[in-house]
């Protein structure tokens, strides 16, 4: 994987542990939304990206936005007694 397409380890750890991660604007903008999602899918971590921002900022990568990755295949824990 090229250096510019490398996903930081802390994002992978956060996704594995919590199922979501606030990844930030810098990483999202550097890789691009689609490339970020493609790379994570190739790493068996298909995600959705949600960008929360002030409705006045219509830019592709809002400066004050919150960038949240959420795993699509997050398993729901079920109590074995209920089965």
PDB file of N, CA and C in Angstrom:
ATOM      1  N   UNK A   1       0.848  -1.173   0.000  1.00  0.00           N
ATOM      2  CA  UNK A   1       0.000   0.000   0.000  1.00  0.00           C
ATOM      3  C   UNK A   1       0.897   1.241   0.000  1.00  0.00           C
ATOM      4  N   UNK A   2       0.588   2.204  -0.826  1.00  0.00           N
ATOM      5  CA  UNK A   2       1.383   3.415  -0.907  1.00  0.00           C
ATOM      6  C   UNK A   2       1.295   4.200   0.399  1.00  0.00           C
ATOM      7  N   UNK A   3       2.344   4.958   0.686  1.00  0.00           N
ATOM      8  CA  UNK A   3       2.406   5.707   1.937  1.00  0.00           C
ATOM      9  C   UNK A   3       1.215   6.637   2.106  1.00  0.00           C
ATOM     10  N   UNK A   4       0.809   7.330   1.045  1.00  0.00           N
ATOM     11  CA  UNK A   4      -0.293   8.279   1.178  1.00  0.00           C
ATOM     12  C   UNK A   4      -1.632   7.585   1.424  1.00  0.00           C
ATOM     13  N   UNK A   5      -1.727   6.291   1.156  1.00  0.00           N
ATOM     14  CA  UNK A   5      -2.973   5.555   1.350  1.00  0.00           C
ATOM     15  C   UNK A   5      -2.986   4.763   2.651  1.00  0.00           C
ATOM     16  N   UNK A   6      -1.969   4.922   3.473  1.00  0.00           N
ATOM     17  CA  UNK A   6      -1.867   4.152   4.706  1.00  0.00           C
ATOM     18  C   UNK A   6      -2.844   4.690   5.753  1.00  0.00           C
ATOM     19  N   UNK A   7      -3.598   3.767   6.335  1.00  0.00           N
ATOM     20  CA  UNK A   7      -4.520   4.114   7.406  1.00  0.00           C
ATOM     21  C   UNK A   7      -3.749   4.016   8.719  1.00  0.00           C
ATOM     22  N   UNK A   8      -3.755   5.045   9.545  1.00  0.00           N
ATOM     23  CA  UNK A   8      -3.040   4.983  10.832  1.00  0.00           C
ATOM     24  C   UNK A   8      -3.559   3.833  11.702  1.00  0.00           C
ATOM     25  N   UNK A   9      -2.656   3.204  12.418  1.00  0.00           N
ATOM     26  CA  UNK A   9      -2.987   2.057  13.259  1.00  0.00           C
ATOM     27  C   UNK A   9      -4.040   2.407  14.312  1.00  0.00           C
ATOM     28  N   UNK A  10      -4.011   3.641  14.828  1.00  0.00           N
ATOM     29  CA  UNK A  10      -4.978   4.008  15.870  1.00  0.00           C
ATOM     30  C   UNK A  10      -6.412   3.978  15.353  1.00  0.00           C
ATOM     31  N   UNK A  11      -6.609   4.235  14.065  1.00  0.00           N
ATOM     32  CA  UNK A  11      -7.956   4.156  13.495  1.00  0.00           C
ATOM     33  C   UNK A  11      -8.412   2.697  13.465  1.00  0.00           C
ATOM     34  N   UNK A  12      -7.531   1.801  13.058  1.00  0.00           N
ATOM     35  CA  UNK A  12      -7.854   0.374  13.015  1.00  0.00           C
ATOM     36  C   UNK A  12      -8.171  -0.135  14.418  1.00  0.00           C
ATOM     37  N   UNK A  13      -7.358   0.240  15.394  1.00  0.00           N
ATOM     38  CA  UNK A  13      -7.582  -0.194  16.775  1.00  0.00           C
ATOM     39  C   UNK A  13      -8.913   0.323  17.308  1.00  0.00           C
ATOM     40  N   UNK A  14      -9.219   1.565  17.011  1.00  0.00           N
ATOM     41  CA  UNK A  14     -10.475   2.164  17.469  1.00  0.00           C
ATOM     42  C   UNK A  14     -11.679   1.468  16.827  1.00  0.00           C
ATOM     43  N   UNK A  15     -11.600   1.183  15.530  1.00  0.00           N
ATOM     44  CA  UNK A  15     -12.679   0.469  14.848  1.00  0.00           C
ATOM     45  C   UNK A  15     -12.861  -0.931  15.420  1.00  0.00           C
ATOM     46  N   UNK A  16     -11.740  -1.609  15.665  1.00  0.00           N
ATOM     47  CA  UNK A  16     -11.809  -2.967  16.206  1.00  0.00           C
ATOM     48  C   UNK A  16     -12.398  -2.979  17.612  1.00  0.00           C
ATOM     49  N   UNK A  17     -12.042  -1.996  18.409  1.00  0.00           N
ATOM     50  CA  UNK A  17     -12.484  -1.978  19.796  1.00  0.00           C
ATOM     51  C   UNK A  17     -13.906  -1.444  19.964  1.00  0.00           C
ATOM     52  N   UNK A  18     -14.233  -0.365  19.265  1.00  0.00           N
ATOM     53  CA  UNK A  18     -15.507   0.321  19.491  1.00  0.00           C
ATOM     54  C   UNK A  18     -16.506   0.203  18.338  1.00  0.00           C
ATOM     55  N   UNK A  19     -16.027  -0.144  17.152  1.00  0.00           N
ATOM     56  CA  UNK A  19     -16.915  -0.221  16.001  1.00  0.00           C
ATOM     57  C   UNK A  19     -17.114   1.109  15.300  1.00  0.00           C
ATOM     58  N   UNK A  20     -16.467   2.158  15.826  1.00  0.00           N
ATOM     59  CA  UNK A  20     -16.527   3.474  15.186  1.00  0.00           C
ATOM     60  C   UNK A  20     -15.273   4.245  15.553  1.00  0.00           C
ATOM     61  N   UNK A  21     -15.044   5.350  14.857  1.00  0.00           N
ATOM     62  CA  UNK A  21     -13.845   6.139  15.105  1.00  0.00           C
ATOM     63  C   UNK A  21     -14.025   7.544  14.538  1.00  0.00           C
ATOM     64  N   UNK A  22     -13.689   8.539  15.338  1.00  0.00           N
ATOM     65  CA  UNK A  22     -13.652   9.917  14.847  1.00  0.00           C
ATOM     66  C   UNK A  22     -12.273  10.108  14.223  1.00  0.00           C
ATOM     67  N   UNK A  23     -12.217  10.013  12.898  1.00  0.00           N
ATOM     68  CA  UNK A  23     -10.925   9.953  12.212  1.00  0.00           C
ATOM     69  C   UNK A  23     -10.336  11.320  11.890  1.00  0.00           C
ATOM     70  N   UNK A  24     -11.146  12.344  11.809  1.00  0.00           N
ATOM     71  CA  UNK A  24     -10.622  13.683  11.561  1.00  0.00           C
ATOM     72  C   UNK A  24     -10.582  14.097  10.104  1.00  0.00           C
ATOM     73  N   UNK A  25     -10.534  15.386   9.900  1.00  0.00           N
ATOM     74  CA  UNK A  25     -10.558  15.985   8.566  1.00  0.00           C
ATOM     75  C   UNK A  25      -9.256  15.735   7.801  1.00  0.00           C
ATOM     76  N   UNK A  26      -8.117  15.873   8.468  1.00  0.00           N
ATOM     77  CA  UNK A  26      -6.829  15.786   7.780  1.00  0.00           C
ATOM     78  C   UNK A  26      -6.653  14.440   7.072  1.00  0.00           C
ATOM     79  N   UNK A  27      -6.941  13.355   7.770  1.00  0.00           N
ATOM     80  CA  UNK A  27      -6.791  12.023   7.178  1.00  0.00           C
ATOM     81  C   UNK A  27      -7.811  11.816   6.073  1.00  0.00           C
ATOM     82  N   UNK A  28      -9.047  12.228   6.318  1.00  0.00           N
ATOM     83  CA  UNK A  28     -10.112  12.057   5.324  1.00  0.00           C
ATOM     84  C   UNK A  28      -9.790  12.832   4.054  1.00  0.00           C
ATOM     85  N   UNK A  29      -9.332  14.066   4.211  1.00  0.00           N
ATOM     86  CA  UNK A  29      -9.009  14.896   3.043  1.00  0.00           C
ATOM     87  C   UNK A  29      -7.764  14.363   2.325  1.00  0.00           C
ATOM     88  N   UNK A  30      -6.765  13.922   3.084  1.00  0.00           N
ATOM     89  CA  UNK A  30      -5.516  13.424   2.482  1.00  0.00           C
ATOM     90  C   UNK A  30      -5.775  12.205   1.605  1.00  0.00           C
ATOM     91  N   UNK A  31      -6.562  11.261   2.114  1.00  0.00           N
ATOM     92  CA  UNK A  31      -6.834  10.037   1.362  1.00  0.00           C
ATOM     93  C   UNK A  31      -7.995  10.205   0.387  1.00  0.00           C
ATOM     94  N   UNK A  32      -8.916  11.082   0.698  1.00  0.00           N
ATOM     95  CA  UNK A  32     -10.147  11.211  -0.074  1.00  0.00           C
ATOM     96  C   UNK A  32     -11.190  10.274   0.506  1.00  0.00           C
ATOM     97  N   UNK A  33     -12.429  10.691   0.504  1.00  0.00           N
ATOM     98  CA  UNK A  33     -13.507   9.892   1.108  1.00  0.00           C
ATOM     99  C   UNK A  33     -13.571   8.486   0.522  1.00  0.00           C
ATOM    100  N   UNK A  34     -13.622   8.394  -0.793  1.00  0.00           N
ATOM    101  CA  UNK A  34     -13.784   7.100  -1.453  1.00  0.00           C
ATOM    102  C   UNK A  34     -12.576   6.199  -1.223  1.00  0.00           C
ATOM    103  N   UNK A  35     -11.371   6.750  -1.327  1.00  0.00           N
ATOM    104  CA  UNK A  35     -10.163   5.945  -1.135  1.00  0.00           C
ATOM    105  C   UNK A  35     -10.067   5.463   0.310  1.00  0.00           C
ATOM    106  N   UNK A  36     -10.449   6.299   1.259  1.00  0.00           N
ATOM    107  CA  UNK A  36     -10.452   5.910   2.670  1.00  0.00           C
ATOM    108  C   UNK A  36     -11.377   4.715   2.881  1.00  0.00           C
ATOM    109  N   UNK A  37     -12.582   4.799   2.346  1.00  0.00           N
ATOM    110  CA  UNK A  37     -13.551   3.715   2.500  1.00  0.00           C
ATOM    111  C   UNK A  37     -13.117   2.457   1.739  1.00  0.00           C
ATOM    112  N   UNK A  38     -12.560   2.626   0.553  1.00  0.00           N
ATOM    113  CA  UNK A  38     -12.064   1.490  -0.236  1.00  0.00           C
ATOM    114  C   UNK A  38     -10.932   0.770   0.498  1.00  0.00           C
ATOM    115  N   UNK A  39     -10.000   1.537   1.035  1.00  0.00           N
ATOM    116  CA  UNK A  39      -8.853   0.960   1.731  1.00  0.00           C
ATOM    117  C   UNK A  39      -9.306   0.192   2.966  1.00  0.00           C
ATOM    118  N   UNK A  40     -10.234   0.752   3.725  1.00  0.00           N
ATOM    119  CA  UNK A  40     -10.749   0.061   4.904  1.00  0.00           C
ATOM    120  C   UNK A  40     -11.481  -1.226   4.504  1.00  0.00           C
ATOM    121  N   UNK A  41     -12.243  -1.180   3.413  1.00  0.00           N
ATOM    122  CA  UNK A  41     -12.947  -2.377   2.940  1.00  0.00           C
ATOM    123  C   UNK A  41     -11.944  -3.461   2.538  1.00  0.00           C
ATOM    124  N   UNK A  42     -10.844  -3.071   1.892  1.00  0.00           N
ATOM    125  CA  UNK A  42      -9.798  -4.018   1.521  1.00  0.00           C
ATOM    126  C   UNK A  42      -9.141  -4.637   2.751  1.00  0.00           C
ATOM    127  N   UNK A  43      -9.206  -3.942   3.877  1.00  0.00           N
ATOM    128  CA  UNK A  43      -8.629  -4.432   5.135  1.00  0.00           C
ATOM    129  C   UNK A  43      -9.691  -5.180   5.957  1.00  0.00           C
ATOM    130  N   UNK A  44     -10.778  -5.604   5.299  1.00  0.00           N
ATOM    131  CA  UNK A  44     -11.893  -6.309   5.943  1.00  0.00           C
ATOM    132  C   UNK A  44     -12.559  -5.490   7.036  1.00  0.00           C
ATOM    133  N   UNK A  45     -12.626  -4.195   6.824  1.00  0.00           N
ATOM    134  CA  UNK A  45     -13.311  -3.294   7.745  1.00  0.00           C
ATOM    135  C   UNK A  45     -14.174  -2.322   6.931  1.00  0.00           C
ATOM    136  N   UNK A  46     -15.220  -2.847   6.270  1.00  0.00           N
ATOM    137  CA  UNK A  46     -16.078  -1.949   5.488  1.00  0.00           C
ATOM    138  C   UNK A  46     -16.775  -0.955   6.414  1.00  0.00           C
ATOM    139  N   UNK A  47     -16.714   0.301   6.052  1.00  0.00           N
ATOM    140  CA  UNK A  47     -17.242   1.360   6.912  1.00  0.00           C
ATOM    141  C   UNK A  47     -18.147   2.309   6.145  1.00  0.00           C
ATOM    142  N   UNK A  48     -18.905   3.052   6.917  1.00  0.00           N
ATOM    143  CA  UNK A  48     -19.642   4.202   6.417  1.00  0.00           C
ATOM    144  C   UNK A  48     -18.959   5.424   7.008  1.00  0.00           C
ATOM    145  N   UNK A  49     -18.948   6.518   6.266  1.00  0.00           N
ATOM    146  CA  UNK A  49     -18.362   7.766   6.748  1.00  0.00           C
ATOM    147  C   UNK A  49     -19.466   8.796   6.883  1.00  0.00           C
ATOM    148  N   UNK A  50     -19.576   9.373   8.060  1.00  0.00           N
ATOM    149  CA  UNK A  50     -20.552  10.433   8.294  1.00  0.00           C
ATOM    150  C   UNK A  50     -19.781  11.691   8.658  1.00  0.00           C
ATOM    151  N   UNK A  51     -20.134  12.791   8.010  1.00  0.00           N
ATOM    152  CA  UNK A  51     -19.486  14.064   8.298  1.00  0.00           C
ATOM    153  C   UNK A  51     -20.544  14.999   8.872  1.00  0.00           C
ATOM    154  N   UNK A  52     -20.349  15.365  10.125  1.00  0.00           N
ATOM    155  CA  UNK A  52     -21.267  16.275  10.796  1.00  0.00           C
ATOM    156  C   UNK A  52     -20.635  17.654  10.796  1.00  0.00           C
ATOM    157  N   UNK A  53     -21.398  18.658  10.356  1.00  0.00           N
ATOM    158  CA  UNK A  53     -20.836  20.005  10.304  1.00  0.00           C
ATOM    159  C   UNK A  53     -21.947  21.042  10.344  1.00  0.00           C
ATOM    160  N   UNK A  54     -21.522  22.273  10.505  1.00  0.00           N
ATOM    161  CA  UNK A  54     -22.437  23.402  10.461  1.00  0.00           C
ATOM    162  C   UNK A  54     -23.094  23.426   9.084  1.00  0.00           C
ATOM    163  N   UNK A  55     -24.385  23.574   9.034  1.00  0.00           N
ATOM    164  CA  UNK A  55     -25.106  23.542   7.759  1.00  0.00           C
ATOM    165  C   UNK A  55     -24.680  24.652   6.816  1.00  0.00           C
ATOM    166  N   UNK A  56     -24.036  25.687   7.332  1.00  0.00           N
ATOM    167  CA  UNK A  56     -23.582  26.787   6.483  1.00  0.00           C
ATOM    168  C   UNK A  56     -22.364  26.398   5.649  1.00  0.00           C
ATOM    169  N   UNK A  57     -21.572  25.446   6.148  1.00  0.00           N
ATOM    170  CA  UNK A  57     -20.360  25.017   5.448  1.00  0.00           C
ATOM    171  C   UNK A  57     -20.717  23.899   4.484  1.00  0.00           C
ATOM    172  N   UNK A  58     -20.786  24.216   3.211  1.00  0.00           N
ATOM    173  CA  UNK A  58     -21.181  23.251   2.173  1.00  0.00           C
ATOM    174  C   UNK A  58     -19.980  22.611   1.478  1.00  0.00           C
ATOM    175  N   UNK A  59     -18.767  22.858   1.985  1.00  0.00           N
ATOM    176  CA  UNK A  59     -17.582  22.320   1.319  1.00  0.00           C
ATOM    177  C   UNK A  59     -17.505  20.798   1.470  1.00  0.00           C
ATOM    178  N   UNK A  60     -16.731  20.169   0.630  1.00  0.00           N
ATOM    179  CA  UNK A  60     -16.569  18.717   0.644  1.00  0.00           C
ATOM    180  C   UNK A  60     -15.961  18.248   1.955  1.00  0.00           C
ATOM    181  N   UNK A  61     -15.001  18.995   2.470  1.00  0.00           N
ATOM    182  CA  UNK A  61     -14.326  18.668   3.721  1.00  0.00           C
ATOM    183  C   UNK A  61     -14.429  19.862   4.672  1.00  0.00           C
ATOM    184  N   UNK A  62     -15.562  19.999   5.381  1.00  0.00           N
ATOM    185  CA  UNK A  62     -15.754  21.151   6.271  1.00  0.00           C
ATOM    186  C   UNK A  62     -14.656  21.229   7.340  1.00  0.00           C
ATOM    187  N   UNK A  63     -14.132  22.425   7.548  1.00  0.00           N
ATOM    188  CA  UNK A  63     -13.037  22.633   8.493  1.00  0.00           C
ATOM    189  C   UNK A  63     -13.450  22.258   9.918  1.00  0.00           C
ATOM    190  N   UNK A  64     -14.635  22.645  10.329  1.00  0.00           N
ATOM    191  CA  UNK A  64     -15.080  22.370  11.696  1.00  0.00           C
ATOM    192  C   UNK A  64     -15.942  21.112  11.791  1.00  0.00           C
ATOM    193  N   UNK A  65     -15.863  20.249  10.789  1.00  0.00           N
ATOM    194  CA  UNK A  65     -16.680  19.042  10.773  1.00  0.00           C
ATOM    195  C   UNK A  65     -16.140  17.949  11.690  1.00  0.00           C
ATOM    196  N   UNK A  66     -17.010  17.019  12.025  1.00  0.00           N
ATOM    197  CA  UNK A  66     -16.637  15.818  12.772  1.00  0.00           C
ATOM    198  C   UNK A  66     -16.769  14.652  11.803  1.00  0.00           C
ATOM    199  N   UNK A  67     -15.696  13.905  11.625  1.00  0.00           N
ATOM    200  CA  UNK A  67     -15.618  12.834  10.641  1.00  0.00           C
ATOM    201  C   UNK A  67     -15.674  11.495  11.377  1.00  0.00           C
ATOM    202  N   UNK A  68     -16.765  10.751  11.204  1.00  0.00           N
ATOM    203  CA  UNK A  68     -16.980   9.529  11.958  1.00  0.00           C
ATOM    204  C   UNK A  68     -17.070   8.319  11.033  1.00  0.00           C
ATOM    205  N   UNK A  69     -16.190   7.359  11.256  1.00  0.00           N
ATOM    206  CA  UNK A  69     -16.238   6.081  10.552  1.00  0.00           C
ATOM    207  C   UNK A  69     -16.999   5.093  11.431  1.00  0.00           C
ATOM    208  N   UNK A  70     -17.902   4.326  10.826  1.00  0.00           N
ATOM    209  CA  UNK A  70     -18.653   3.300  11.540  1.00  0.00           C
ATOM    210  C   UNK A  70     -18.583   2.005  10.743  1.00  0.00           C
ATOM    211  N   UNK A  71     -18.201   0.918  11.419  1.00  0.00           N
ATOM    212  CA  UNK A  71     -18.142  -0.381  10.749  1.00  0.00           C
ATOM    213  C   UNK A  71     -19.527  -0.812  10.297  1.00  0.00           C
ATOM    214  N   UNK A  72     -19.627  -1.328   9.078  1.00  0.00           N
ATOM    215  CA  UNK A  72     -20.898  -1.830   8.558  1.00  0.00           C
ATOM    216  C   UNK A  72     -21.225  -3.201   9.108  1.00  0.00           C
ATOM    217  N   UNK A  73     -20.213  -4.011   9.387  1.00  0.00           N
ATOM    218  CA  UNK A  73     -20.439  -5.396   9.788  1.00  0.00           C
ATOM    219  C   UNK A  73     -20.248  -5.612  11.285  1.00  0.00           C
ATOM    220  N   UNK A  74     -20.527  -4.616  12.075  1.00  0.00           N
ATOM    221  CA  UNK A  74     -20.384  -4.715  13.532  1.00  0.00           C
ATOM    222  C   UNK A  74     -21.339  -5.784  14.050  1.00  0.00           C
ATOM    223  N   UNK A  75     -20.811  -6.765  14.766  1.00  0.00           N
ATOM    224  CA  UNK A  75     -21.634  -7.851  15.283  1.00  0.00           C
ATOM    225  C   UNK A  75     -22.376  -7.397  16.531  1.00  0.00           C
ATOM    226  N   UNK A  76     -23.631  -7.799  16.622  1.00  0.00           N
ATOM    227  CA  UNK A  76     -24.434  -7.506  17.792  1.00  0.00           C
ATOM    228  C   UNK A  76     -24.231  -8.647  18.780  1.00  0.00           C
ATOM    229  N   UNK A  77     -23.893  -8.284  20.004  1.00  0.00           N
ATOM    230  CA  UNK A  77     -23.685  -9.307  21.022  1.00  0.00           C
ATOM    231  C   UNK A  77     -25.037  -9.768  21.547  1.00  0.00           C
ATOM    232  N   UNK A  78     -25.230 -11.083  21.565  1.00  0.00           N
ATOM    233  CA  UNK A  78     -26.483 -11.659  22.008  1.00  0.00           C
ATOM    234  C   UNK A  78     -26.206 -12.543  23.211  1.00  0.00           C
ATOM    235  N   UNK A  79     -27.034 -12.436  24.244  1.00  0.00           N
ATOM    236  CA  UNK A  79     -26.904 -13.284  25.419  1.00  0.00           C
ATOM    237  C   UNK A  79     -27.259 -14.707  25.016  1.00  0.00           C
ATOM    238  N   UNK A  80     -26.366 -15.650  25.280  1.00  0.00           N
ATOM    239  CA  UNK A  80     -26.594 -17.046  24.872  1.00  0.00           C
ATOM    240  C   UNK A  80     -27.839 -17.638  25.525  1.00  0.00           C
ATOM    241  N   UNK A  81     -28.249 -17.146  26.690  1.00  0.00           N
ATOM    242  CA  UNK A  81     -29.425 -17.665  27.382  1.00  0.00           C
ATOM    243  C   UNK A  81     -30.713 -17.381  26.630  1.00  0.00           C
ATOM    244  N   UNK A  82     -30.699 -16.346  25.787  1.00  0.00           N
ATOM    245  CA  UNK A  82     -31.905 -15.967  25.062  1.00  0.00           C
ATOM    246  C   UNK A  82     -32.161 -16.863  23.864  1.00  0.00           C
ATOM    247  N   UNK A  83     -31.155 -17.610  23.419  1.00  0.00           N
ATOM    248  CA  UNK A  83     -31.315 -18.443  22.219  1.00  0.00           C
ATOM    249  C   UNK A  83     -32.116 -19.671  22.442  1.00  0.00           C
TER     250      UNK A  83
END
